[in-house]
Amino acid sequence: MSVLYRPRPSIVRRDSGLYAYERALARRGFSPIAGVDEAGRGACAGPLVVAAVVLGPPIEGLTDSKLLTPARRETLYDEIVARARAVSVVVIPSDEIDRRGLHKCNIAGMRRAVAGLGCDLGYVLIDGFPVPGLPAPSLAVWKGDQVCACVAAASIVAKVSRDRIMTSLDERYPLYGFAEHKGYVTAAHRQALASHGPTPHHRFSFVTVNSVMRSGPAIEIGDNGVGAGVA
């Protein structure tokens, strides 16, 4: 669907605040408005998680999830889920990312998350890049999770949902430190990969994991996260 209206940056700047885009769109009759964002694009282990949110009453303290402490993210997550008009979360596992490619999974996940809201939308605001094939007019907003309330809410829902998954994986694979780095590349994560090989939840198409596979035999990982033998 073609975009019928794009809020001009000058209009948004005059109406300062995190809800400026939403207010500009609502004045033109575009309602409800969904925000979409993801978590886990740059990780080499764990799923990609996409969230879409249609906010209800204003929520204080929304911003890019990466700028919040874990405790504050959890508090805002609970408030968003309790007060939003609609919330949708899509989890795309690592093997699907390997099979289809990261960007295709991201686009498909955003479409699925928007569809999962279950309501007729007036407009969709997306963090970062355009997503074709949405059921309403849409706009990709640079740093949308810092300037659009509904996108910030989606970033928090996606981040908290993914962090909880990675913490659960840490219990199954304690040698990897998933609860700390959440599957992103760190020195400790590289060392764990070099010492123990990848788990089934690593993204084998990513260079960090692929280089480990090329450099030596992988270790089969048991359910307790301990190497069960050399493949």
C-alpha atoms as a PDB file:
ATOM      1  CA  MET A   1       0.000   0.000   0.000  1.00  0.00           C
ATOM      2  CA  SER A   2       1.360   3.421  -0.899  1.00  0.00           C
ATOM      3  CA  VAL A   3       2.013   5.963   1.799  1.00  0.00           C
ATOM      4  CA  LEU A   4      -0.727   8.590   1.909  1.00  0.00           C
ATOM      5  CA  TYR A   5       0.937  10.959   4.356  1.00  0.00           C
ATOM      6  CA  ARG A   6       4.402  11.424   5.804  1.00  0.00           C
ATOM      7  CA  PRO A   7       4.764  13.725   8.816  1.00  0.00           C
ATOM      8  CA  ARG A   8       7.238  16.421   7.813  1.00  0.00           C
ATOM      9  CA  PRO A   9      10.270  16.674  10.137  1.00  0.00           C
ATOM     10  CA  SER A  10       9.586  20.401  10.589  1.00  0.00           C
ATOM     11  CA  ILE A  11       6.082  19.659  11.890  1.00  0.00           C
ATOM     12  CA  VAL A  12       7.363  16.980  14.231  1.00  0.00           C
ATOM     13  CA  ARG A  13      10.119  19.251  15.564  1.00  0.00           C
ATOM     14  CA  ARG A  14       7.618  22.003  16.390  1.00  0.00           C
ATOM     15  CA  ASP A  15       5.549  19.468  18.322  1.00  0.00           C
ATOM     16  CA  SER A  16       8.404  18.239  20.504  1.00  0.00           C
ATOM     17  CA  GLY A  17       8.189  15.075  22.567  1.00  0.00           C
ATOM     18  CA  LEU A  18       8.151  11.349  22.056  1.00  0.00           C
ATOM     19  CA  TYR A  19       4.501  11.406  20.934  1.00  0.00           C
ATOM     20  CA  ALA A  20       5.029  14.038  18.208  1.00  0.00           C
ATOM     21  CA  TYR A  21       4.783  11.585  15.283  1.00  0.00           C
ATOM     22  CA  GLU A  22       1.672   9.990  16.733  1.00  0.00           C
ATOM     23  CA  ARG A  23       0.011  13.361  17.285  1.00  0.00           C
ATOM     24  CA  ALA A  24       0.867  14.567  13.775  1.00  0.00           C
ATOM     25  CA  LEU A  25      -0.614  11.408  12.275  1.00  0.00           C
ATOM     26  CA  ALA A  26      -3.693  11.463  14.501  1.00  0.00           C
ATOM     27  CA  ARG A  27      -4.436  15.055  13.440  1.00  0.00           C
ATOM     28  CA  ARG A  28      -4.616  13.744   9.860  1.00  0.00           C
ATOM     29  CA  GLY A  29      -6.990  10.972  10.858  1.00  0.00           C
ATOM     30  CA  PHE A  30      -4.506   8.087  10.891  1.00  0.00           C
ATOM     31  CA  SER A  31      -5.442   5.929  13.846  1.00  0.00           C
ATOM     32  CA  PRO A  32      -4.623   3.587  15.444  1.00  0.00           C
ATOM     33  CA  ILE A  33      -0.850   3.772  14.970  1.00  0.00           C
ATOM     34  CA  ALA A  34       1.452   0.804  15.461  1.00  0.00           C
ATOM     35  CA  GLY A  35       5.156   0.908  16.232  1.00  0.00           C
ATOM     36  CA  VAL A  36       7.469  -1.918  15.152  1.00  0.00           C
ATOM     37  CA  ASP A  37      11.004  -2.807  16.220  1.00  0.00           C
ATOM     38  CA  GLU A  38      13.252  -5.831  16.665  1.00  0.00           C
ATOM     39  CA  ALA A  39      15.924  -7.177  18.992  1.00  0.00           C
ATOM     40  CA  GLY A  40      18.791  -9.507  18.193  1.00  0.00           C
ATOM     41  CA  ARG A  41      19.787  -8.533  14.662  1.00  0.00           C
ATOM     42  CA  GLY A  42      23.476  -8.331  15.515  1.00  0.00           C
ATOM     43  CA  ALA A  43      23.678 -11.392  17.748  1.00  0.00           C
ATOM     44  CA  CYS A  44      25.360 -14.592  16.599  1.00  0.00           C
ATOM     45  CA  ALA A  45      23.222 -16.786  18.861  1.00  0.00           C
ATOM     46  CA  GLY A  46      19.572 -16.887  19.798  1.00  0.00           C
ATOM     47  CA  PRO A  47      16.452 -15.779  17.967  1.00  0.00           C
ATOM     48  CA  LEU A  48      15.460 -12.564  16.266  1.00  0.00           C
ATOM     49  CA  VAL A  49      12.488 -11.113  18.151  1.00  0.00           C
ATOM     50  CA  VAL A  50      10.130  -8.594  16.543  1.00  0.00           C
ATOM     51  CA  ALA A  51       7.437  -6.677  18.415  1.00  0.00           C
ATOM     52  CA  ALA A  52       4.573  -4.454  17.312  1.00  0.00           C
ATOM     53  CA  VAL A  53       2.671  -2.235  19.739  1.00  0.00           C
ATOM     54  CA  VAL A  54      -0.400  -0.015  19.538  1.00  0.00           C
ATOM     55  CA  LEU A  55      -0.268   2.233  22.581  1.00  0.00           C
ATOM     56  CA  GLY A  56      -3.226   3.340  24.648  1.00  0.00           C
ATOM     57  CA  PRO A  57      -2.822   6.019  27.338  1.00  0.00           C
ATOM     58  CA  PRO A  58       0.591   7.733  27.369  1.00  0.00           C
ATOM     59  CA  ILE A  59       3.337   5.929  29.280  1.00  0.00           C
ATOM     60  CA  GLU A  60       6.058   7.969  30.938  1.00  0.00           C
ATOM     61  CA  GLY A  61       9.712   7.070  30.433  1.00  0.00           C
ATOM     62  CA  LEU A  62       9.572   5.361  27.054  1.00  0.00           C
ATOM     63  CA  THR A  63      12.785   5.453  25.032  1.00  0.00           C
ATOM     64  CA  ASP A  64      15.131   3.193  23.118  1.00  0.00           C
ATOM     65  CA  SER A  65      15.379  -0.026  25.128  1.00  0.00           C
ATOM     66  CA  LYS A  66      19.184   0.038  24.882  1.00  0.00           C
ATOM     67  CA  LEU A  67      19.233   3.299  26.875  1.00  0.00           C
ATOM     68  CA  LEU A  68      17.384   1.767  29.829  1.00  0.00           C
ATOM     69  CA  THR A  69      18.625  -0.349  32.704  1.00  0.00           C
ATOM     70  CA  PRO A  70      17.397  -3.967  32.730  1.00  0.00           C
ATOM     71  CA  ALA A  71      15.225  -3.250  35.783  1.00  0.00           C
ATOM     72  CA  ARG A  72      13.630  -0.203  34.128  1.00  0.00           C
ATOM     73  CA  ARG A  73      13.005  -2.177  30.926  1.00  0.00           C
ATOM     74  CA  GLU A  74      11.194  -4.863  32.902  1.00  0.00           C
ATOM     75  CA  THR A  75       9.018  -2.274  34.665  1.00  0.00           C
ATOM     76  CA  LEU A  76       8.106  -0.557  31.395  1.00  0.00           C
ATOM     77  CA  TYR A  77       7.498  -3.920  29.699  1.00  0.00           C
ATOM     78  CA  ASP A  78       4.886  -4.794  32.334  1.00  0.00           C
ATOM     79  CA  GLU A  79       3.271  -1.374  31.973  1.00  0.00           C
ATOM     80  CA  ILE A  80       3.168  -1.582  28.168  1.00  0.00           C
ATOM     81  CA  VAL A  81       1.624  -5.063  28.182  1.00  0.00           C
ATOM     82  CA  ALA A  82      -0.968  -3.980  30.748  1.00  0.00           C
ATOM     83  CA  ARG A  83      -1.942  -0.669  29.148  1.00  0.00           C
ATOM     84  CA  ALA A  84      -1.364  -0.956  25.385  1.00  0.00           C
ATOM     85  CA  ARG A  85      -4.286  -1.445  23.027  1.00  0.00           C
ATOM     86  CA  ALA A  86      -2.487  -4.315  21.314  1.00  0.00           C
ATOM     87  CA  VAL A  87       0.883  -6.083  21.564  1.00  0.00           C
ATOM     88  CA  SER A  88       2.291  -8.712  19.205  1.00  0.00           C
ATOM     89  CA  VAL A  89       5.596 -10.598  19.464  1.00  0.00           C
ATOM     90  CA  VAL A  90       7.195 -12.820  16.809  1.00  0.00           C
ATOM     91  CA  VAL A  91      10.171 -15.069  17.593  1.00  0.00           C
ATOM     92  CA  ILE A  92      12.294 -16.229  14.657  1.00  0.00           C
ATOM     93  CA  PRO A  93      14.725 -19.023  15.626  1.00  0.00           C
ATOM     94  CA  SER A  94      18.354 -19.161  14.589  1.00  0.00           C
ATOM     95  CA  ASP A  95      17.898 -22.045  12.140  1.00  0.00           C
ATOM     96  CA  GLU A  96      15.311 -20.037  10.207  1.00  0.00           C
ATOM     97  CA  ILE A  97      17.729 -17.105  10.072  1.00  0.00           C
ATOM     98  CA  ASP A  98      20.399 -19.443   8.655  1.00  0.00           C
ATOM     99  CA  ARG A  99      17.967 -20.841   6.117  1.00  0.00           C
ATOM    100  CA  ARG A 100      16.314 -17.633   4.879  1.00  0.00           C
ATOM    101  CA  GLY A 101      18.807 -14.873   5.711  1.00  0.00           C
ATOM    102  CA  LEU A 102      18.642 -12.191   8.387  1.00  0.00           C
ATOM    103  CA  HIS A 103      17.068  -9.360   6.393  1.00  0.00           C
ATOM    104  CA  LYS A 104      14.340 -11.549   4.896  1.00  0.00           C
ATOM    105  CA  CYS A 105      13.530 -12.843   8.363  1.00  0.00           C
ATOM    106  CA  ASN A 106      13.422  -9.293   9.711  1.00  0.00           C
ATOM    107  CA  ILE A 107      11.007  -8.106   7.028  1.00  0.00           C
ATOM    108  CA  ALA A 108       8.813 -11.201   7.380  1.00  0.00           C
ATOM    109  CA  GLY A 109       8.866 -10.901  11.169  1.00  0.00           C
ATOM    110  CA  MET A 110       7.711  -7.292  11.049  1.00  0.00           C
ATOM    111  CA  ARG A 111       4.841  -8.183   8.718  1.00  0.00           C
ATOM    112  CA  ARG A 112       3.836 -11.055  10.992  1.00  0.00           C
ATOM    113  CA  ALA A 113       4.050  -8.891  14.114  1.00  0.00           C
ATOM    114  CA  VAL A 114       1.821  -6.211  12.569  1.00  0.00           C
ATOM    115  CA  ALA A 115      -0.673  -8.850  11.405  1.00  0.00           C
ATOM    116  CA  GLY A 116      -0.648 -10.331  14.905  1.00  0.00           C
ATOM    117  CA  LEU A 117      -1.999  -7.111  16.405  1.00  0.00           C
ATOM    118  CA  GLY A 118      -5.418  -8.169  15.166  1.00  0.00           C
ATOM    119  CA  CYS A 119      -6.770  -4.685  14.493  1.00  0.00           C
ATOM    120  CA  ASP A 120      -7.307  -2.387  11.511  1.00  0.00           C
ATOM    121  CA  LEU A 121      -4.421   0.079  11.562  1.00  0.00           C
ATOM    122  CA  GLY A 122      -4.302   3.655  10.351  1.00  0.00           C
ATOM    123  CA  TYR A 123      -0.512   3.854  10.142  1.00  0.00           C
ATOM    124  CA  VAL A 124       2.666   1.949  10.996  1.00  0.00           C
ATOM    125  CA  LEU A 125       5.921   3.500  12.215  1.00  0.00           C
ATOM    126  CA  ILE A 126       9.011   1.307  11.795  1.00  0.00           C
ATOM    127  CA  ASP A 127      12.454   1.650  13.281  1.00  0.00           C
ATOM    128  CA  GLY A 128      15.165   2.088  10.674  1.00  0.00           C
ATOM    129  CA  PHE A 129      14.129   0.739   7.304  1.00  0.00           C
ATOM    130  CA  PRO A 130      10.983   0.439   5.162  1.00  0.00           C
ATOM    131  CA  VAL A 131       8.908  -2.729   5.191  1.00  0.00           C
ATOM    132  CA  PRO A 132       6.831  -3.347   2.058  1.00  0.00           C
ATOM    133  CA  GLY A 133       3.584  -5.276   2.159  1.00  0.00           C
ATOM    134  CA  LEU A 134       2.106  -3.878   5.376  1.00  0.00           C
ATOM    135  CA  PRO A 135      -1.694  -3.517   5.621  1.00  0.00           C
ATOM    136  CA  ALA A 136      -1.540   0.254   6.274  1.00  0.00           C
ATOM    137  CA  PRO A 137       0.533   3.258   5.210  1.00  0.00           C
ATOM    138  CA  SER A 138       3.936   3.182   6.880  1.00  0.00           C
ATOM    139  CA  LEU A 139       7.052   5.203   7.495  1.00  0.00           C
ATOM    140  CA  ALA A 140      10.579   4.095   8.370  1.00  0.00           C
ATOM    141  CA  VAL A 141      11.935   6.479  11.015  1.00  0.00           C
ATOM    142  CA  TRP A 142      15.671   6.846  11.637  1.00  0.00           C
ATOM    143  CA  LYS A 143      16.286   6.098  15.333  1.00  0.00           C
ATOM    144  CA  GLY A 144      12.561   5.603  15.642  1.00  0.00           C
ATOM    145  CA  ASP A 145      12.958   3.982  19.047  1.00  0.00           C
ATOM    146  CA  GLN A 146      14.262   7.325  20.345  1.00  0.00           C
ATOM    147  CA  VAL A 147      11.726   9.656  18.705  1.00  0.00           C
ATOM    148  CA  CYS A 148       8.435   7.685  18.432  1.00  0.00           C
ATOM    149  CA  ALA A 149       6.615   6.460  21.523  1.00  0.00           C
ATOM    150  CA  CYS A 150       5.051   3.408  19.879  1.00  0.00           C
ATOM    151  CA  VAL A 151       8.374   2.339  18.352  1.00  0.00           C
ATOM    152  CA  ALA A 152      10.119   2.811  21.705  1.00  0.00           C
ATOM    153  CA  ALA A 153       7.451   0.612  23.289  1.00  0.00           C
ATOM    154  CA  ALA A 154       8.007  -2.036  20.614  1.00  0.00           C
ATOM    155  CA  SER A 155      11.764  -1.913  21.211  1.00  0.00           C
ATOM    156  CA  ILE A 156      11.243  -2.532  24.929  1.00  0.00           C
ATOM    157  CA  VAL A 157       8.853  -5.443  24.353  1.00  0.00           C
ATOM    158  CA  ALA A 158      11.199  -7.035  21.808  1.00  0.00           C
ATOM    159  CA  LYS A 159      14.290  -6.562  23.990  1.00  0.00           C
ATOM    160  CA  VAL A 160      12.747  -7.893  27.201  1.00  0.00           C
ATOM    161  CA  SER A 161      11.147 -10.831  25.393  1.00  0.00           C
ATOM    162  CA  ARG A 162      14.475 -11.783  23.813  1.00  0.00           C
ATOM    163  CA  ASP A 163      16.489 -11.275  27.008  1.00  0.00           C
ATOM    164  CA  ARG A 164      14.168 -13.668  28.813  1.00  0.00           C
ATOM    165  CA  ILE A 165      14.711 -16.281  26.099  1.00  0.00           C
ATOM    166  CA  MET A 166      18.485 -15.888  26.333  1.00  0.00           C
ATOM    167  CA  THR A 167      18.394 -16.162  30.127  1.00  0.00           C
ATOM    168  CA  SER A 168      16.448 -19.395  29.745  1.00  0.00           C
ATOM    169  CA  LEU A 169      19.055 -20.676  27.272  1.00  0.00           C
ATOM    170  CA  ASP A 170      21.762 -19.818  29.799  1.00  0.00           C
ATOM    171  CA  GLU A 171      20.224 -22.338  32.192  1.00  0.00           C
ATOM    172  CA  ARG A 172      20.483 -25.041  29.516  1.00  0.00           C
ATOM    173  CA  TYR A 173      23.949 -24.030  28.277  1.00  0.00           C
ATOM    174  CA  PRO A 174      25.787 -22.581  31.279  1.00  0.00           C
ATOM    175  CA  LEU A 175      29.205 -22.648  29.590  1.00  0.00           C
ATOM    176  CA  TYR A 176      28.338 -19.835  27.188  1.00  0.00           C
ATOM    177  CA  GLY A 177      27.278 -16.901  29.357  1.00  0.00           C
ATOM    178  CA  PHE A 178      24.073 -16.212  27.421  1.00  0.00           C
ATOM    179  CA  ALA A 179      22.535 -14.430  30.409  1.00  0.00           C
ATOM    180  CA  GLU A 180      25.368 -11.884  30.277  1.00  0.00           C
ATOM    181  CA  HIS A 181      25.970 -11.162  26.591  1.00  0.00           C
ATOM    182  CA  LYS A 182      22.556 -12.304  25.278  1.00  0.00           C
ATOM    183  CA  GLY A 183      24.153 -13.997  22.260  1.00  0.00           C
ATOM    184  CA  TYR A 184      26.097 -10.978  21.028  1.00  0.00           C
ATOM    185  CA  VAL A 185      29.787 -11.233  20.185  1.00  0.00           C
ATOM    186  CA  THR A 186      32.036 -10.538  23.164  1.00  0.00           C
ATOM    187  CA  ALA A 187      35.488 -11.766  24.098  1.00  0.00           C
ATOM    188  CA  ALA A 188      33.964 -14.231  26.564  1.00  0.00           C
ATOM    189  CA  HIS A 189      31.505 -15.487  23.961  1.00  0.00           C
ATOM    190  CA  ARG A 190      34.289 -15.975  21.407  1.00  0.00           C
ATOM    191  CA  GLN A 191      36.287 -17.929  23.970  1.00  0.00           C
ATOM    192  CA  ALA A 192      33.315 -20.156  24.792  1.00  0.00           C
ATOM    193  CA  LEU A 193      32.790 -20.858  21.100  1.00  0.00           C
ATOM    194  CA  ALA A 194      36.466 -21.674  20.615  1.00  0.00           C
ATOM    195  CA  SER A 195      36.511 -23.966  23.654  1.00  0.00           C
ATOM    196  CA  HIS A 196      33.163 -25.731  23.344  1.00  0.00           C
ATOM    197  CA  GLY A 197      31.918 -25.225  19.788  1.00  0.00           C
ATOM    198  CA  PRO A 198      28.503 -23.812  18.871  1.00  0.00           C
ATOM    199  CA  THR A 199      25.169 -24.829  20.377  1.00  0.00           C
ATOM    200  CA  PRO A 200      22.100 -25.588  18.235  1.00  0.00           C
ATOM    201  CA  HIS A 201      20.990 -22.016  18.974  1.00  0.00           C
ATOM    202  CA  HIS A 202      23.995 -20.358  17.320  1.00  0.00           C
ATOM    203  CA  ARG A 203      23.615 -18.842  13.861  1.00  0.00           C
ATOM    204  CA  PHE A 204      25.859 -20.967  11.688  1.00  0.00           C
ATOM    205  CA  SER A 205      25.612 -18.521   8.771  1.00  0.00           C
ATOM    206  CA  PHE A 206      27.272 -15.780  10.849  1.00  0.00           C
ATOM    207  CA  VAL A 207      31.005 -15.309  10.354  1.00  0.00           C
ATOM    208  CA  THR A 208      31.864 -15.573  14.051  1.00  0.00           C
ATOM    209  CA  VAL A 209      30.268 -19.019  14.301  1.00  0.00           C
ATOM    210  CA  ASN A 210      31.257 -20.153  10.823  1.00  0.00           C
ATOM    211  CA  SER A 211      34.917 -19.393  11.484  1.00  0.00           C
ATOM    212  CA  VAL A 212      34.830 -21.667  14.553  1.00  0.00           C
ATOM    213  CA  MET A 213      33.330 -24.447  12.442  1.00  0.00           C
ATOM    214  CA  ARG A 214      36.107 -24.064   9.856  1.00  0.00           C
ATOM    215  CA  SER A 215      38.932 -23.886  12.367  1.00  0.00           C
ATOM    216  CA  GLY A 216      38.267 -27.127  14.204  1.00  0.00           C
ATOM    217  CA  PRO A 217      35.794 -29.875  15.064  1.00  0.00           C
ATOM    218  CA  ALA A 218      32.603 -28.867  16.794  1.00  0.00           C
ATOM    219  CA  ILE A 219      31.672 -30.324  20.149  1.00  0.00           C
ATOM    220  CA  GLU A 220      28.259 -31.880  20.514  1.00  0.00           C
ATOM    221  CA  ILE A 221      26.486 -30.062  23.310  1.00  0.00           C
ATOM    222  CA  GLY A 222      24.231 -31.960  25.661  1.00  0.00           C
ATOM    223  CA  ASP A 223      21.082 -30.623  27.279  1.00  0.00           C
ATOM    224  CA  ASN A 224      23.081 -29.575  30.320  1.00  0.00           C
ATOM    225  CA  GLY A 225      25.350 -27.372  28.198  1.00  0.00           C
ATOM    226  CA  VAL A 226      28.358 -29.610  28.633  1.00  0.00           C
ATOM    227  CA  GLY A 227      30.300 -31.002  25.703  1.00  0.00           C
ATOM    228  CA  ALA A 228      29.365 -34.636  25.150  1.00  0.00           C
ATOM    229  CA  GLY A 229      32.093 -35.486  22.690  1.00  0.00           C
ATOM    230  CA  VAL A 230      33.858 -34.402  19.535  1.00  0.00           C
ATOM    231  CA  ALA A 231      31.938 -34.641  16.284  1.00  0.00           C
END
